[in-house]
């Protein structure tokens, strides 16, 4: 299993950040790698809320649901289906108030498909591409929240 850790400081209260991250259909508003994010469940912002995401490349997509939801403390999305060479994936967020800023931390845990070949692809390519995508996601999140 691979693990990628990222964090960012955002000039906003945790409640504002939480409101954006816990709303599955808003992802396309701030993630520059996403073309469209659609809510696919009756739940909107709590346990079980699901989204389908179409990537900007027009080929790739994924679906995920909220599996942990502690308002303003912890939030986890888990992959339920995707076009990527990933078998299992979850990304968990925690929040820490630091004066007028909030530190948002993300831990992404994933397992690639295709056994040994998949693990080799992970070392050569998947991990680097995933980390770069998360950094773009965080940059977009920061910009979106700080300019609203």
C-alpha atoms as a PDB file:
ATOM      1  CA  UNK A   1       0.000   0.000   0.000  1.00  0.00           C
ATOM      2  CA  UNK A   2       1.259   3.464  -0.905  1.00  0.00           C
ATOM      3  CA  UNK A   3       0.850   6.525   1.281  1.00  0.00           C
ATOM      4  CA  UNK A   4       1.179  10.164   0.260  1.00  0.00           C
ATOM      5  CA  UNK A   5       1.021  12.996   2.804  1.00  0.00           C
ATOM      6  CA  UNK A   6       0.382  16.632   1.890  1.00  0.00           C
ATOM      7  CA  UNK A   7      -0.642  19.722   3.820  1.00  0.00           C
ATOM      8  CA  UNK A   8      -1.377  23.372   3.167  1.00  0.00           C
ATOM      9  CA  UNK A   9      -2.064  26.527   5.164  1.00  0.00           C
ATOM     10  CA  UNK A  10      -5.240  28.361   4.181  1.00  0.00           C
ATOM     11  CA  UNK A  11      -6.176  31.851   5.381  1.00  0.00           C
ATOM     12  CA  UNK A  12      -9.680  30.918   6.489  1.00  0.00           C
ATOM     13  CA  UNK A  13     -11.523  29.423   9.432  1.00  0.00           C
ATOM     14  CA  UNK A  14     -11.845  25.647   9.505  1.00  0.00           C
ATOM     15  CA  UNK A  15     -15.636  25.905   9.140  1.00  0.00           C
ATOM     16  CA  UNK A  16     -15.300  27.537   5.719  1.00  0.00           C
ATOM     17  CA  UNK A  17     -12.798  24.922   4.504  1.00  0.00           C
ATOM     18  CA  UNK A  18     -14.922  22.110   5.902  1.00  0.00           C
ATOM     19  CA  UNK A  19     -17.989  23.439   4.092  1.00  0.00           C
ATOM     20  CA  UNK A  20     -16.187  23.192   0.760  1.00  0.00           C
ATOM     21  CA  UNK A  21     -14.409  19.844   1.248  1.00  0.00           C
ATOM     22  CA  UNK A  22     -17.503  18.139   2.701  1.00  0.00           C
ATOM     23  CA  UNK A  23     -19.620  19.140  -0.326  1.00  0.00           C
ATOM     24  CA  UNK A  24     -18.829  16.450  -2.903  1.00  0.00           C
ATOM     25  CA  UNK A  25     -20.342  18.269  -5.883  1.00  0.00           C
ATOM     26  CA  UNK A  26     -18.060  21.329  -5.446  1.00  0.00           C
ATOM     27  CA  UNK A  27     -14.816  19.566  -6.448  1.00  0.00           C
ATOM     28  CA  UNK A  28     -14.898  20.899 -10.020  1.00  0.00           C
ATOM     29  CA  UNK A  29     -15.042  24.462  -8.679  1.00  0.00           C
ATOM     30  CA  UNK A  30     -11.517  24.306  -7.235  1.00  0.00           C
ATOM     31  CA  UNK A  31      -9.620  21.253  -8.502  1.00  0.00           C
ATOM     32  CA  UNK A  32      -7.948  22.262 -11.803  1.00  0.00           C
ATOM     33  CA  UNK A  33      -7.604  18.603 -12.865  1.00  0.00           C
ATOM     34  CA  UNK A  34     -11.372  17.982 -12.740  1.00  0.00           C
ATOM     35  CA  UNK A  35     -13.852  18.719 -15.531  1.00  0.00           C
ATOM     36  CA  UNK A  36     -17.057  17.816 -13.673  1.00  0.00           C
ATOM     37  CA  UNK A  37     -18.112  16.595 -10.248  1.00  0.00           C
ATOM     38  CA  UNK A  38     -21.664  15.357  -9.721  1.00  0.00           C
ATOM     39  CA  UNK A  39     -23.483  14.263  -6.603  1.00  0.00           C
ATOM     40  CA  UNK A  40     -24.780  10.701  -7.101  1.00  0.00           C
ATOM     41  CA  UNK A  41     -26.445  10.087  -3.741  1.00  0.00           C
ATOM     42  CA  UNK A  42     -29.332  11.483  -1.733  1.00  0.00           C
ATOM     43  CA  UNK A  43     -26.885  12.371   1.049  1.00  0.00           C
ATOM     44  CA  UNK A  44     -25.273  15.733   0.301  1.00  0.00           C
ATOM     45  CA  UNK A  45     -22.566  16.360   2.909  1.00  0.00           C
ATOM     46  CA  UNK A  46     -22.446  13.546   5.442  1.00  0.00           C
ATOM     47  CA  UNK A  47     -21.626   9.852   5.724  1.00  0.00           C
ATOM     48  CA  UNK A  48     -22.516   8.064   2.533  1.00  0.00           C
ATOM     49  CA  UNK A  49     -22.529  11.136   0.279  1.00  0.00           C
ATOM     50  CA  UNK A  50     -21.208  10.056  -3.132  1.00  0.00           C
ATOM     51  CA  UNK A  51     -19.810  11.822  -6.174  1.00  0.00           C
ATOM     52  CA  UNK A  52     -18.785  10.924  -9.704  1.00  0.00           C
ATOM     53  CA  UNK A  53     -15.822  12.871 -11.028  1.00  0.00           C
ATOM     54  CA  UNK A  54     -14.826  13.260 -14.663  1.00  0.00           C
ATOM     55  CA  UNK A  55     -11.218  14.302 -15.147  1.00  0.00           C
ATOM     56  CA  UNK A  56     -10.082  17.138 -17.378  1.00  0.00           C
ATOM     57  CA  UNK A  57      -8.347  14.693 -19.762  1.00  0.00           C
ATOM     58  CA  UNK A  58     -11.799  13.474 -20.871  1.00  0.00           C
ATOM     59  CA  UNK A  59     -10.825   9.800 -20.440  1.00  0.00           C
ATOM     60  CA  UNK A  60     -10.516   9.145 -16.732  1.00  0.00           C
ATOM     61  CA  UNK A  61     -13.166   9.176 -14.029  1.00  0.00           C
ATOM     62  CA  UNK A  62     -13.769   7.998 -10.493  1.00  0.00           C
ATOM     63  CA  UNK A  63     -16.533   7.612  -7.932  1.00  0.00           C
ATOM     64  CA  UNK A  64     -16.083   7.979  -4.204  1.00  0.00           C
ATOM     65  CA  UNK A  65     -18.061   8.349  -1.011  1.00  0.00           C
ATOM     66  CA  UNK A  66     -17.613   9.958   2.386  1.00  0.00           C
ATOM     67  CA  UNK A  67     -16.770   7.266   4.946  1.00  0.00           C
ATOM     68  CA  UNK A  68     -15.718   9.455   7.886  1.00  0.00           C
ATOM     69  CA  UNK A  69     -17.387  12.712   8.778  1.00  0.00           C
ATOM     70  CA  UNK A  70     -16.536  14.580  11.989  1.00  0.00           C
ATOM     71  CA  UNK A  71     -17.438  18.216  11.239  1.00  0.00           C
ATOM     72  CA  UNK A  72     -14.433  20.564  11.345  1.00  0.00           C
ATOM     73  CA  UNK A  73     -12.180  17.701  12.561  1.00  0.00           C
ATOM     74  CA  UNK A  74     -11.872  14.792  10.133  1.00  0.00           C
ATOM     75  CA  UNK A  75     -13.188  13.845   6.701  1.00  0.00           C
ATOM     76  CA  UNK A  76     -12.467  10.767   4.593  1.00  0.00           C
ATOM     77  CA  UNK A  77     -13.416   9.906   1.026  1.00  0.00           C
ATOM     78  CA  UNK A  78     -13.022   6.330  -0.261  1.00  0.00           C
ATOM     79  CA  UNK A  79     -12.904   5.238  -3.874  1.00  0.00           C
ATOM     80  CA  UNK A  80     -15.779   3.011  -4.998  1.00  0.00           C
ATOM     81  CA  UNK A  81     -14.986   2.749  -8.741  1.00  0.00           C
ATOM     82  CA  UNK A  82     -12.492   4.278 -11.195  1.00  0.00           C
ATOM     83  CA  UNK A  83     -10.716   4.110 -14.539  1.00  0.00           C
ATOM     84  CA  UNK A  84      -7.251   4.485 -12.968  1.00  0.00           C
ATOM     85  CA  UNK A  85      -4.885   1.558 -12.261  1.00  0.00           C
ATOM     86  CA  UNK A  86      -5.808   1.767  -8.576  1.00  0.00           C
ATOM     87  CA  UNK A  87      -7.632  -0.961  -6.702  1.00  0.00           C
ATOM     88  CA  UNK A  88      -8.211   0.829  -3.414  1.00  0.00           C
ATOM     89  CA  UNK A  89      -7.834   4.460  -2.389  1.00  0.00           C
ATOM     90  CA  UNK A  90      -8.864   6.695   0.470  1.00  0.00           C
ATOM     91  CA  UNK A  91      -7.910  10.230   1.305  1.00  0.00           C
ATOM     92  CA  UNK A  92      -8.370  11.542   4.821  1.00  0.00           C
ATOM     93  CA  UNK A  93      -8.306  15.168   5.916  1.00  0.00           C
ATOM     94  CA  UNK A  94      -7.610  16.683   9.313  1.00  0.00           C
ATOM     95  CA  UNK A  95      -7.680  20.346  10.299  1.00  0.00           C
ATOM     96  CA  UNK A  96      -5.638  22.403  12.750  1.00  0.00           C
ATOM     97  CA  UNK A  97      -6.352  26.030  13.648  1.00  0.00           C
ATOM     98  CA  UNK A  98      -3.217  28.186  13.624  1.00  0.00           C
ATOM     99  CA  UNK A  99      -4.191  31.757  14.465  1.00  0.00           C
ATOM    100  CA  UNK A 100      -6.167  33.115  11.506  1.00  0.00           C
ATOM    101  CA  UNK A 101      -5.112  30.191   9.328  1.00  0.00           C
ATOM    102  CA  UNK A 102      -6.035  26.541   9.139  1.00  0.00           C
ATOM    103  CA  UNK A 103      -3.588  23.758   8.328  1.00  0.00           C
ATOM    104  CA  UNK A 104      -5.294  21.147   6.174  1.00  0.00           C
ATOM    105  CA  UNK A 105      -3.517  17.788   6.136  1.00  0.00           C
ATOM    106  CA  UNK A 106      -4.300  14.985   3.731  1.00  0.00           C
ATOM    107  CA  UNK A 107      -3.136  11.395   3.899  1.00  0.00           C
ATOM    108  CA  UNK A 108      -3.862   9.365   0.791  1.00  0.00           C
ATOM    109  CA  UNK A 109      -3.551   5.595   1.056  1.00  0.00           C
ATOM    110  CA  UNK A 110      -3.847   3.504  -2.063  1.00  0.00           C
ATOM    111  CA  UNK A 111      -3.223   0.081  -3.566  1.00  0.00           C
ATOM    112  CA  UNK A 112      -2.448  -0.287  -7.261  1.00  0.00           C
ATOM    113  CA  UNK A 113      -3.832  -2.924  -9.610  1.00  0.00           C
ATOM    114  CA  UNK A 114      -1.761  -5.423 -11.626  1.00  0.00           C
ATOM    115  CA  UNK A 115       0.407  -6.927  -8.857  1.00  0.00           C
ATOM    116  CA  UNK A 116       4.163  -6.589  -9.343  1.00  0.00           C
ATOM    117  CA  UNK A 117       3.785  -4.639 -12.597  1.00  0.00           C
ATOM    118  CA  UNK A 118       1.437  -2.213 -10.827  1.00  0.00           C
ATOM    119  CA  UNK A 119       3.904  -1.732  -7.971  1.00  0.00           C
ATOM    120  CA  UNK A 120       6.649  -0.993 -10.492  1.00  0.00           C
ATOM    121  CA  UNK A 121       4.381   1.510 -12.277  1.00  0.00           C
ATOM    122  CA  UNK A 122       3.703   3.072  -8.877  1.00  0.00           C
ATOM    123  CA  UNK A 123       7.413   3.593  -8.232  1.00  0.00           C
ATOM    124  CA  UNK A 124       8.072   4.914 -11.743  1.00  0.00           C
ATOM    125  CA  UNK A 125       4.988   6.998 -12.386  1.00  0.00           C
ATOM    126  CA  UNK A 126       1.743   6.670 -10.391  1.00  0.00           C
ATOM    127  CA  UNK A 127       3.030   8.034  -7.066  1.00  0.00           C
ATOM    128  CA  UNK A 128       4.658  11.086  -8.692  1.00  0.00           C
ATOM    129  CA  UNK A 129       1.587  11.861 -10.802  1.00  0.00           C
ATOM    130  CA  UNK A 130      -0.732  11.418  -7.815  1.00  0.00           C
ATOM    131  CA  UNK A 131       1.373  13.691  -5.617  1.00  0.00           C
ATOM    132  CA  UNK A 132       1.500  16.360  -8.348  1.00  0.00           C
ATOM    133  CA  UNK A 133      -2.289  16.128  -8.725  1.00  0.00           C
ATOM    134  CA  UNK A 134      -2.801  16.554  -4.979  1.00  0.00           C
ATOM    135  CA  UNK A 135      -0.578  19.640  -4.980  1.00  0.00           C
ATOM    136  CA  UNK A 136      -2.684  21.139  -7.802  1.00  0.00           C
ATOM    137  CA  UNK A 137      -5.842  20.216  -5.871  1.00  0.00           C
ATOM    138  CA  UNK A 138      -4.539  21.932  -2.725  1.00  0.00           C
ATOM    139  CA  UNK A 139      -3.481  25.028  -4.680  1.00  0.00           C
ATOM    140  CA  UNK A 140      -6.941  25.265  -6.210  1.00  0.00           C
ATOM    141  CA  UNK A 141      -8.628  24.716  -2.831  1.00  0.00           C
ATOM    142  CA  UNK A 142      -6.554  27.492  -1.235  1.00  0.00           C
ATOM    143  CA  UNK A 143      -7.281  29.929  -4.054  1.00  0.00           C
ATOM    144  CA  UNK A 144     -10.998  29.103  -4.133  1.00  0.00           C
ATOM    145  CA  UNK A 145     -11.467  29.527  -0.377  1.00  0.00           C
ATOM    146  CA  UNK A 146      -9.273  32.597   0.077  1.00  0.00           C
ATOM    147  CA  UNK A 147     -10.943  34.526  -2.767  1.00  0.00           C
ATOM    148  CA  UNK A 148     -14.583  33.768  -1.842  1.00  0.00           C
END
